[in-house]
Amino acid sequence: MATVKTNPFNLGSVLSDEGFCNREKELDELLSHARNSANVILYSSRRRGKTSLMKRVMDEISREGYLAVYVDYLSVIGENDVTEKFFSAVARAVGKDVTEKSFAERVMKLFTRIRPSIDIGPDTVSISARYDRSETFGHLMEDIFLGLNKYLKDNERRCLVVFDEFQEISSLPESKRIEGILREHIQDQNNISFFFVGSRRHVLRSMFTDSKRAFYRLGFIYEMENIPKAEFVPYIVDRFRDTGKKCPEEVAADIYDYVAGNTYYIQKLSHILWNMTGQGGKSTGDMLEKAKVELIRSEAPIFQASFVGMNFGEKKLVRALAVEPSGKPYSIDYLARHTLSAGGVQKSLRSLIDKDVVEIVDGTHRLVDAVFGKWSLRAEMGL
């Protein structure tokens, strides 16, 4: 009996090495920075594979004996969150693969102001921070950094700390104080590399390029770009072939072009098309057109939530740029074609760029998410 092949296109989770497409150049460069205790500011728009790349970097650096600490600041809402997320990530990395008793022995002696609380379940380990709420943020950060450095010194190890969605700190009321205190500690480290990763590119860039901000020139600015079409098309074709199906190169190229090289959408659209293609069968252009409709339908709830949060002028500009990306969005002809006003465009562009909905590439204003643009036009027509 023939073995049924599973869909090779990953959805919703971090890609394994097998499912990962290229990024070897980025991987080598980032590993070099980590080994040299250099700081990196890495950004790209959402769904470009940053987390999968970070996982590969952390896995590789861990195999070399480094301590790898991953801190997710996406949902941070205050100073306490900044402290607790960082502490829990450090404690988890230091106490990795240990029992509850040995965890206490290994971790608790490292810190004086913060004590870890651990709950080991059948499948998960939950770590939280306990501390006197009257302690200042500065003292708590000092405790974390001192404890981390003590562990590294005692065990003769080096470390990589990844702060994911780091730009969210800038939205907190206490952001200036938080950034200043973190800078004070980070700049003194000579055996720890810090990767500041984010998807709100405009916000993250400004944190490190504005001379008035605490993190000014703290590391290497590194923009994660799309994987080239010439590399992704064979990847799609090969994944179909390896699972007993066929995807012609022209169909794979259409997948790439339709989503403007977005890694997440390439995986998802290929996933949908693979499911439509019978075992041993061949995908066609007609199948892909149906798959495109299904892709947009599946993303509609997310797009609707984003669109609802925009004002009328922003919505009009989104639809204009979806139809016609422009290097001259203030020109009389452009404004007339899309019934826009110069003042409205100026205000909307500023807001949409800050939200990372619009980007400027080679002087052209365009939507960051091409599929979102396609959805907005279909929604306008009631499709």
Protein backbone atom coordinates (compact mmCIF):
# COMPACT_ATOMS: atom_id res chain seq x y z
CA MET A 1 0.00 0.00 0.00
CA ALA A 2 1.47 3.37 -1.06
CA THR A 3 2.33 5.86 1.67
CA VAL A 4 0.19 8.98 1.59
CA LYS A 5 2.37 12.08 1.41
CA THR A 6 1.64 14.98 3.73
CA ASN A 7 1.55 18.58 2.54
CA PRO A 8 5.18 19.81 2.41
CA PHE A 9 4.31 23.51 2.72
CA ASN A 10 4.42 24.61 6.33
CA LEU A 11 1.69 26.78 7.84
CA GLY A 12 1.52 28.51 11.21
CA SER A 13 4.72 27.24 12.82
CA VAL A 14 8.43 27.92 12.68
CA LEU A 15 10.02 26.18 9.72
CA SER A 16 12.34 23.24 10.25
CA ASP A 17 15.61 22.98 8.36
CA GLU A 18 13.88 20.70 5.84
CA GLY A 19 11.11 23.23 5.15
CA PHE A 20 13.42 26.23 5.08
CA CYS A 21 14.25 27.85 1.75
CA ASN A 22 17.79 29.17 1.49
CA ARG A 23 18.74 32.13 3.77
CA GLU A 24 22.23 30.62 3.95
CA LYS A 25 23.88 34.00 3.38
CA GLU A 26 21.84 35.63 6.14
CA LEU A 27 22.46 32.68 8.45
CA ASP A 28 26.23 32.86 7.97
CA GLU A 29 26.34 36.63 8.51
CA LEU A 30 24.18 36.57 11.61
CA LEU A 31 26.15 33.70 13.12
CA SER A 32 29.34 35.68 12.53
CA HIS A 33 27.88 38.66 14.41
CA ALA A 34 26.76 36.42 17.28
CA ARG A 35 30.18 34.79 17.57
CA ASN A 36 31.82 38.21 17.71
CA SER A 37 29.44 39.53 20.40
CA ALA A 38 28.15 42.16 17.97
CA ASN A 39 24.69 43.66 18.25
CA VAL A 40 22.27 43.43 15.31
CA ILE A 41 19.08 45.29 14.49
CA LEU A 42 17.19 42.97 12.15
CA TYR A 43 13.90 43.93 10.59
CA SER A 44 11.53 43.08 7.80
CA SER A 45 7.82 43.32 7.21
CA ARG A 46 5.67 40.68 8.85
CA ARG A 47 5.64 37.11 7.57
CA ARG A 48 9.02 37.17 5.93
CA GLY A 49 10.41 34.30 8.04
CA LYS A 50 12.29 36.26 10.73
CA THR A 51 11.32 33.88 13.52
CA SER A 52 12.31 30.82 11.52
CA LEU A 53 15.66 32.44 10.73
CA MET A 54 16.19 33.36 14.39
CA LYS A 55 15.42 29.77 15.40
CA ARG A 56 18.06 28.48 13.00
CA VAL A 57 20.61 30.99 14.32
CA MET A 58 19.82 30.04 17.92
CA ASP A 59 19.91 26.30 17.20
CA GLU A 60 23.27 26.59 15.47
CA ILE A 61 24.85 28.85 18.08
CA SER A 62 23.58 26.54 20.83
CA ARG A 63 25.30 23.59 19.18
CA GLU A 64 28.50 25.60 19.42
CA GLY A 65 28.08 25.87 23.18
CA TYR A 66 26.52 29.33 23.39
CA LEU A 67 23.61 30.11 25.68
CA ALA A 68 20.66 31.23 23.51
CA VAL A 69 17.98 33.41 25.12
CA TYR A 70 14.76 34.28 23.24
CA VAL A 71 12.54 37.10 24.55
CA ASP A 72 9.23 37.89 22.81
CA TYR A 73 8.10 41.47 23.46
CA LEU A 74 5.10 41.46 21.09
CA SER A 75 2.52 41.67 23.91
CA VAL A 76 4.49 43.86 26.32
CA ILE A 77 2.30 46.37 28.19
CA GLY A 78 4.57 47.91 30.83
CA GLU A 79 7.87 47.92 32.73
CA ASN A 80 6.89 44.83 34.72
CA ASP A 81 6.32 42.94 31.46
CA VAL A 82 9.75 43.98 30.16
CA THR A 83 11.34 42.67 33.36
CA GLU A 84 9.37 39.46 33.69
CA LYS A 85 9.65 38.39 30.05
CA PHE A 86 13.41 38.95 30.05
CA PHE A 87 13.92 37.20 33.39
CA SER A 88 11.77 34.20 32.46
CA ALA A 89 13.64 33.79 29.16
CA VAL A 90 17.04 33.91 30.90
CA ALA A 91 15.90 31.47 33.61
CA ARG A 92 14.46 29.11 31.00
CA ALA A 93 17.70 29.12 28.99
CA VAL A 94 19.92 28.65 32.05
CA GLY A 95 17.71 25.92 33.48
CA LYS A 96 17.08 24.12 30.22
CA ASP A 97 16.63 20.33 30.48
CA VAL A 98 16.90 20.19 34.26
CA THR A 99 14.62 18.80 36.95
CA GLU A 100 12.68 21.03 39.34
CA LYS A 101 15.21 20.40 42.12
CA SER A 102 18.31 21.03 40.03
CA PHE A 103 16.61 24.03 38.41
CA ALA A 104 16.33 25.67 41.82
CA GLU A 105 19.95 24.92 42.55
CA ARG A 106 21.17 26.24 39.23
CA VAL A 107 18.97 29.31 38.79
CA MET A 108 17.98 30.66 42.18
CA LYS A 109 21.54 31.28 43.34
CA LEU A 110 22.17 33.60 40.37
CA PHE A 111 19.73 36.33 41.38
CA THR A 112 19.17 38.33 44.54
CA ARG A 113 16.18 40.57 43.83
CA ILE A 114 14.18 38.25 41.58
CA ARG A 115 13.26 34.67 42.43
CA PRO A 116 12.04 32.20 39.84
CA SER A 117 8.85 30.20 40.26
CA ILE A 118 8.70 27.05 38.19
CA ASP A 119 5.78 24.81 37.33
CA ILE A 120 6.74 21.65 35.46
CA GLY A 121 3.79 20.00 33.73
CA PRO A 122 3.65 16.88 31.58
CA ASP A 123 4.39 18.79 28.37
CA THR A 124 5.38 22.32 29.37
CA VAL A 125 7.55 24.23 31.80
CA SER A 126 6.17 27.53 33.09
CA ILE A 127 8.58 30.03 34.66
CA SER A 128 7.48 33.25 36.32
CA ALA A 129 9.27 35.98 38.28
CA ARG A 130 8.65 36.84 41.94
CA TYR A 131 10.04 40.08 43.34
CA ASP A 132 9.30 43.00 45.62
CA ARG A 133 7.10 45.37 43.60
CA SER A 134 8.77 48.34 45.23
CA GLU A 135 12.04 47.49 43.45
CA THR A 136 12.93 49.88 40.63
CA PHE A 137 13.18 48.77 37.01
CA GLY A 138 16.87 49.70 37.04
CA HIS A 139 17.63 47.48 40.04
CA LEU A 140 15.72 44.55 38.54
CA MET A 141 17.57 44.85 35.21
CA GLU A 142 20.85 45.02 37.09
CA ASP A 143 19.94 41.79 38.89
CA ILE A 144 19.14 40.00 35.62
CA PHE A 145 22.34 41.12 33.90
CA LEU A 146 24.52 40.30 36.94
CA GLY A 147 22.95 36.85 37.24
CA LEU A 148 23.33 36.14 33.53
CA ASN A 149 26.96 37.22 33.57
CA LYS A 150 27.68 35.12 36.66
CA TYR A 151 26.29 32.06 34.93
CA LEU A 152 28.33 32.73 31.77
CA LYS A 153 31.53 33.29 33.76
CA ASP A 154 31.07 30.23 35.98
CA ASN A 155 30.35 28.01 32.97
CA GLU A 156 32.82 29.65 30.55
CA ARG A 157 30.11 30.29 27.98
CA ARG A 158 29.10 33.12 25.68
CA CYS A 159 25.56 34.17 24.92
CA LEU A 160 23.11 35.36 22.27
CA VAL A 161 20.01 37.26 23.41
CA VAL A 162 17.21 37.74 20.86
CA PHE A 163 14.66 40.46 21.64
CA ASP A 164 11.80 39.75 19.22
CA GLU A 165 9.34 42.54 18.29
CA PHE A 166 11.57 44.87 20.29
CA GLN A 167 9.97 48.00 18.82
CA GLU A 168 6.89 47.45 21.02
CA ILE A 169 8.86 48.85 23.96
CA SER A 170 8.78 52.27 22.29
CA SER A 171 4.99 52.40 22.68
CA LEU A 172 5.13 52.21 26.49
CA PRO A 173 4.72 55.38 28.59
CA GLU A 174 8.04 54.61 30.31
CA SER A 175 9.86 53.88 27.04
CA LYS A 176 12.58 56.52 27.41
CA ARG A 177 13.54 55.28 30.87
CA ILE A 178 13.40 51.63 29.76
CA GLU A 179 15.56 52.28 26.70
CA GLY A 180 18.08 54.29 28.72
CA ILE A 181 18.48 51.62 31.42
CA LEU A 182 18.74 48.80 28.90
CA ARG A 183 21.37 50.74 26.92
CA GLU A 184 23.38 51.28 30.10
CA HIS A 185 23.63 47.55 30.69
CA ILE A 186 23.86 46.31 27.08
CA GLN A 187 26.75 48.57 26.08
CA ASP A 188 28.94 47.08 28.83
CA GLN A 189 28.61 43.46 27.70
CA ASN A 190 31.59 41.89 25.95
CA ASN A 191 30.49 38.25 25.88
CA ILE A 192 26.83 38.70 24.89
CA SER A 193 25.43 39.49 21.46
CA PHE A 194 22.02 41.17 21.31
CA PHE A 195 19.71 40.80 18.31
CA PHE A 196 16.89 43.36 18.22
CA VAL A 197 14.27 41.96 15.84
CA GLY A 198 11.09 43.61 14.63
CA SER A 199 8.41 43.85 11.97
CA ARG A 200 7.37 47.50 12.42
CA ARG A 201 10.36 48.59 10.45
CA HIS A 202 9.89 52.35 10.59
CA VAL A 203 9.56 52.28 14.39
CA LEU A 204 12.47 49.90 15.00
CA ARG A 205 14.79 51.77 12.64
CA SER A 206 14.09 55.07 14.35
CA MET A 207 15.00 53.59 17.74
CA PHE A 208 18.54 52.92 16.49
CA THR A 209 19.10 55.71 13.96
CA ASP A 210 17.68 58.72 15.82
CA SER A 211 20.59 60.50 17.52
CA LYS A 212 18.25 61.55 20.34
CA ARG A 213 17.35 57.95 21.27
CA ALA A 214 19.21 55.79 23.79
CA PHE A 215 19.92 52.98 21.30
CA TYR A 216 21.49 55.24 18.68
CA ARG A 217 24.18 53.33 16.76
CA LEU A 218 24.11 50.39 19.13
CA GLY A 219 24.56 47.75 16.43
CA PHE A 220 24.55 46.68 12.80
CA ILE A 221 21.38 47.56 10.88
CA TYR A 222 20.29 44.47 8.95
CA GLU A 223 17.23 44.41 6.67
CA MET A 224 15.90 40.97 5.81
CA GLU A 225 14.84 40.99 2.18
CA ASN A 226 12.75 38.61 0.11
CA ILE A 227 14.30 35.36 -1.02
CA PRO A 228 15.03 35.83 -4.76
CA LYS A 229 12.53 34.43 -7.21
CA ALA A 230 15.24 32.36 -8.92
CA GLU A 231 15.73 30.45 -5.65
CA PHE A 232 12.12 30.15 -4.50
CA VAL A 233 10.65 28.82 -7.76
CA PRO A 234 12.83 25.66 -7.78
CA TYR A 235 12.01 25.20 -4.07
CA ILE A 236 8.28 25.08 -4.86
CA VAL A 237 8.78 22.77 -7.84
CA ASP A 238 10.99 20.42 -5.81
CA ARG A 239 8.55 20.20 -2.88
CA PHE A 240 5.76 19.15 -5.26
CA ARG A 241 8.00 16.61 -7.00
CA ASP A 242 9.27 15.11 -3.74
CA THR A 243 5.68 14.38 -2.69
CA GLY A 244 4.62 12.76 -5.97
CA LYS A 245 3.05 15.79 -7.65
CA LYS A 246 4.09 18.23 -10.33
CA CYS A 247 4.10 22.02 -10.33
CA PRO A 248 5.35 23.56 -13.59
CA GLU A 249 7.90 26.34 -13.23
CA GLU A 250 5.55 28.90 -14.77
CA VAL A 251 2.92 28.12 -12.13
CA ALA A 252 5.51 28.35 -9.33
CA ALA A 253 6.68 31.69 -10.76
CA ASP A 254 3.08 32.96 -10.77
CA ILE A 255 2.80 32.01 -7.08
CA TYR A 256 5.86 34.11 -6.29
CA ASP A 257 4.74 37.10 -8.35
CA TYR A 258 1.17 37.10 -7.07
CA VAL A 259 2.29 37.50 -3.44
CA ALA A 260 5.28 39.73 -4.30
CA GLY A 261 7.77 37.27 -2.81
CA ASN A 262 6.22 37.17 0.68
CA THR A 263 7.52 33.99 2.34
CA TYR A 264 4.40 33.28 4.38
CA TYR A 265 2.03 33.70 1.45
CA ILE A 266 4.24 31.60 -0.83
CA GLN A 267 4.01 28.77 1.69
CA LYS A 268 0.26 29.20 2.14
CA LEU A 269 -0.65 29.57 -1.53
CA SER A 270 1.55 26.58 -2.39
CA HIS A 271 -0.10 24.64 0.44
CA ILE A 272 -3.57 25.35 -0.98
CA LEU A 273 -2.50 24.49 -4.53
CA TRP A 274 -0.85 21.25 -3.36
CA ASN A 275 -4.12 20.20 -1.73
CA MET A 276 -5.99 20.92 -4.97
CA THR A 277 -3.57 18.82 -7.00
CA GLY A 278 -4.41 15.13 -6.99
CA GLN A 279 -1.84 12.53 -6.00
CA GLY A 280 0.45 12.02 -8.98
CA GLY A 281 -1.22 14.94 -10.69
CA LYS A 282 -0.08 18.23 -12.16
CA SER A 283 -1.10 21.67 -10.97
CA THR A 284 -2.39 24.09 -13.59
CA GLY A 285 -2.94 27.80 -14.02
CA ASP A 286 -6.70 27.33 -13.54
CA MET A 287 -6.09 25.53 -10.25
CA LEU A 288 -3.84 28.37 -9.14
CA GLU A 289 -6.52 30.96 -9.87
CA LYS A 290 -8.88 29.07 -7.57
CA ALA A 291 -6.11 28.79 -4.98
CA LYS A 292 -5.60 32.57 -5.09
CA VAL A 293 -9.28 33.13 -4.29
CA GLU A 294 -9.03 30.67 -1.41
CA LEU A 295 -5.91 32.42 -0.08
CA ILE A 296 -7.66 35.79 0.01
CA ARG A 297 -10.75 34.28 1.65
CA SER A 298 -8.65 32.63 4.35
CA GLU A 299 -6.86 35.89 5.15
CA ALA A 300 -10.01 38.05 5.00
CA PRO A 301 -10.71 38.16 8.77
CA ILE A 302 -7.21 39.51 9.47
CA PHE A 303 -7.43 42.02 6.62
CA GLN A 304 -10.88 43.17 7.74
CA ALA A 305 -9.63 43.83 11.27
CA SER A 306 -6.76 45.92 9.91
CA PHE A 307 -8.97 47.81 7.46
CA VAL A 308 -11.61 48.64 10.08
CA GLY A 309 -8.91 50.35 12.15
CA MET A 310 -8.13 52.81 9.35
CA ASN A 311 -9.81 56.15 8.73
CA PHE A 312 -11.54 56.93 5.43
CA GLY A 313 -8.52 58.67 3.87
CA GLU A 314 -6.21 55.77 4.71
CA LYS A 315 -8.63 53.26 3.19
CA LYS A 316 -8.85 55.27 -0.03
CA LEU A 317 -5.08 55.54 -0.27
CA VAL A 318 -4.64 51.80 0.36
CA ARG A 319 -6.94 51.03 -2.56
CA ALA A 320 -5.22 53.58 -4.77
CA LEU A 321 -1.80 52.08 -4.08
CA ALA A 322 -3.17 48.57 -4.57
CA VAL A 323 -4.18 49.59 -8.09
CA GLU A 324 -1.25 51.87 -8.82
CA PRO A 325 1.94 52.08 -6.72
CA SER A 326 3.38 55.52 -7.29
CA GLY A 327 6.52 57.56 -7.03
CA LYS A 328 4.39 60.70 -7.26
CA PRO A 329 1.34 60.19 -5.04
CA TYR A 330 0.93 64.00 -4.73
CA SER A 331 0.80 64.64 -8.46
CA ILE A 332 -2.36 66.24 -9.82
CA ASP A 333 -2.96 63.34 -12.20
CA TYR A 334 -2.62 60.68 -9.48
CA LEU A 335 -4.87 62.57 -7.08
CA ALA A 336 -7.49 63.03 -9.79
CA ARG A 337 -7.43 59.40 -10.90
CA HIS A 338 -8.08 58.19 -7.36
CA THR A 339 -10.19 61.13 -6.06
CA LEU A 340 -7.65 62.01 -3.38
CA SER A 341 -6.51 65.32 -1.90
CA ALA A 342 -2.88 66.35 -1.39
CA GLY A 343 -3.43 67.10 2.30
CA GLY A 344 -5.24 63.83 2.86
CA VAL A 345 -2.54 61.82 1.11
CA GLN A 346 0.20 63.51 3.13
CA LYS A 347 -1.53 62.72 6.43
CA SER A 348 -2.48 59.18 5.42
CA LEU A 349 0.97 58.33 4.09
CA ARG A 350 2.61 59.42 7.32
CA SER A 351 0.26 57.22 9.33
CA LEU A 352 0.40 54.19 7.02
CA ILE A 353 4.19 54.24 6.85
CA ASP A 354 4.36 54.38 10.64
CA LYS A 355 1.98 51.40 10.80
CA ASP A 356 4.14 49.57 8.24
CA VAL A 357 1.23 49.31 5.81
CA VAL A 358 3.02 51.40 3.16
CA GLU A 359 6.70 51.39 2.26
CA ILE A 360 8.90 53.38 -0.12
CA VAL A 361 11.10 51.26 -2.37
CA ASP A 362 13.34 52.93 -4.96
CA GLY A 363 11.25 56.08 -4.62
CA THR A 364 7.94 54.29 -5.18
CA HIS A 365 5.19 54.22 -2.56
CA ARG A 366 3.59 50.79 -2.40
CA LEU A 367 1.71 48.50 -0.02
CA VAL A 368 3.89 46.29 2.15
CA ASP A 369 1.38 43.44 1.85
CA ALA A 370 0.39 42.89 -1.77
CA VAL A 371 -2.26 40.32 -0.86
CA PHE A 372 -3.90 42.80 1.52
CA GLY A 373 -4.11 45.21 -1.41
CA LYS A 374 -5.75 42.56 -3.59
CA TRP A 375 -8.26 41.81 -0.83
CA SER A 376 -9.11 45.52 -0.45
CA LEU A 377 -9.98 45.75 -4.14
CA ARG A 378 -12.12 42.61 -4.06
CA ALA A 379 -13.87 43.91 -0.94
CA GLU A 380 -14.57 47.20 -2.72
CA MET A 381 -16.28 45.27 -5.52
CA GLY A 382 -18.17 43.10 -3.04
CA LEU A 383 -16.36 39.89 -4.01
